[in-house]
C-alpha atoms as a PDB file:
ATOM      1  CA  MET A   1      -3.891   3.888  52.841  1.00  0.00           C
ATOM      2  CA  SER A   2      -5.122   5.318  49.388  1.00  0.00           C
ATOM      3  CA  LEU A   3      -3.270   8.326  49.125  1.00  0.00           C
ATOM      4  CA  GLU A   4       0.673   6.297  50.503  1.00  0.00           C
ATOM      5  CA  ILE A   5      -0.469   4.025  47.582  1.00  0.00           C
ATOM      6  CA  HIS A   6      -1.013   6.447  44.797  1.00  0.00           C
ATOM      7  CA  GLY A   7       1.884   7.794  46.426  1.00  0.00           C
ATOM      8  CA  SER A   8       4.084   4.586  46.337  1.00  0.00           C
ATOM      9  CA  VAL A   9       3.471   4.687  42.619  1.00  0.00           C
ATOM     10  CA  LEU A  10       3.643   7.645  41.691  1.00  0.00           C
ATOM     11  CA  LEU A  11       7.875   7.070  43.525  1.00  0.00           C
ATOM     12  CA  VAL A  12       8.669   4.537  41.215  1.00  0.00           C
ATOM     13  CA  THR A  13       7.649   5.948  38.705  1.00  0.00           C
ATOM     14  CA  GLY A  14       9.405   9.029  38.724  1.00  0.00           C
ATOM     15  CA  MET A  15      12.458   6.235  39.489  1.00  0.00           C
ATOM     16  CA  ILE A  16      11.602   5.020  36.376  1.00  0.00           C
ATOM     17  CA  LEU A  17      11.831   7.749  34.877  1.00  0.00           C
ATOM     18  CA  VAL A  18      14.681   8.460  36.202  1.00  0.00           C
ATOM     19  CA  LEU A  19      16.489   5.922  35.180  1.00  0.00           C
ATOM     20  CA  VAL A  20      15.363   5.972  31.548  1.00  0.00           C
ATOM     21  CA  TRP A  21      16.534   9.967  31.307  1.00  0.00           C
ATOM     22  CA  SER A  22      19.205   8.907  32.946  1.00  0.00           C
ATOM     23  CA  PHE A  23      20.023   6.665  29.543  1.00  0.00           C
ATOM     24  CA  PHE A  24      18.977   8.231  26.620  1.00  0.00           C
ATOM     25  CA  ARG A  25      19.892  12.312  27.993  1.00  0.00           C
ATOM     26  CA  SER A  26      22.503  12.703  25.261  1.00  0.00           C
ATOM     27  CA  GLU A  27      19.657  12.863  23.387  1.00  0.00           C
ATOM     28  CA  TRP A  28      17.622  16.368  23.316  1.00  0.00           C
ATOM     29  CA  TRP A  29      14.533  14.898  23.973  1.00  0.00           C
ATOM     30  CA  SER A  30      15.245  13.024  27.004  1.00  0.00           C
ATOM     31  CA  ALA A  31      14.799  16.170  28.966  1.00  0.00           C
ATOM     32  CA  VAL A  32      10.681  15.645  29.399  1.00  0.00           C
ATOM     33  CA  PHE A  33      11.669  12.490  30.914  1.00  0.00           C
ATOM     34  CA  GLY A  34      13.869  14.748  33.104  1.00  0.00           C
ATOM     35  CA  PHE A  35      10.702  17.050  33.659  1.00  0.00           C
ATOM     36  CA  LEU A  36       8.927  14.274  33.991  1.00  0.00           C
ATOM     37  CA  SER A  37      10.690  12.507  36.682  1.00  0.00           C
ATOM     38  CA  ILE A  38      10.985  15.173  38.585  1.00  0.00           C
ATOM     39  CA  PHE A  39       7.198  16.261  39.012  1.00  0.00           C
ATOM     40  CA  PHE A  40       6.002  12.797  39.763  1.00  0.00           C
ATOM     41  CA  LEU A  41       9.503  12.661  42.951  1.00  0.00           C
ATOM     42  CA  VAL A  42       7.615  15.637  44.371  1.00  0.00           C
ATOM     43  CA  GLU A  43       3.958  14.247  43.540  1.00  0.00           C
ATOM     44  CA  ALA A  44       4.920  11.611  46.152  1.00  0.00           C
ATOM     45  CA  ILE A  45       6.280  13.451  48.591  1.00  0.00           C
ATOM     46  CA  TRP A  46       3.839  15.292  49.243  1.00  0.00           C
ATOM     47  CA  HIS A  47       1.087  12.188  48.733  1.00  0.00           C
ATOM     48  CA  TYR A  48       3.114  10.898  51.366  1.00  0.00           C
ATOM     49  CA  CYS A  49       3.004  14.143  53.648  1.00  0.00           C
ATOM     50  CA  VAL A  50      -0.480  14.334  53.441  1.00  0.00           C
ATOM     51  CA  ALA A  51      -1.421  10.960  54.341  1.00  0.00           C
ATOM     52  CA  ASP A  52       0.824  11.777  57.351  1.00  0.00           C
ATOM     53  CA  CYS A  53      -1.095  14.847  58.311  1.00  0.00           C
ATOM     54  CA  LYS A  54      -4.086  12.744  57.940  1.00  0.00           C
ATOM     55  CA  ARG A  55      -3.218  10.056  60.098  1.00  0.00           C
ATOM     56  CA  ILE A  56      -1.914  12.530  63.032  1.00  0.00           C
ATOM     57  CA  LYS A  57      -5.602  14.416  62.835  1.00  0.00           C
ATOM     58  CA  LYS A  58      -7.183  10.734  62.644  1.00  0.00           C
ATOM     59  CA  LYS A  59      -4.743  10.206  66.085  1.00  0.00           C
ATOM     60  CA  ASP A  60      -5.247  13.479  68.070  1.00  0.00           C
ATOM     61  CA  HIS A  61      -9.053  12.704  67.585  1.00  0.00           C
END
């Protein structure tokens, strides 16, 4: 359950960073927001996958 909550926080943070990046995309320093948003979105997906794998393993036992 905590992995899903952590994944949800990362997902929301990634979406906010995408919005900030899209607003400031004409500035050179906005690339930092783009890279951070990709990182947070990939981490959110990874957390959801790990939580699902743990749930499947728990059902099998």
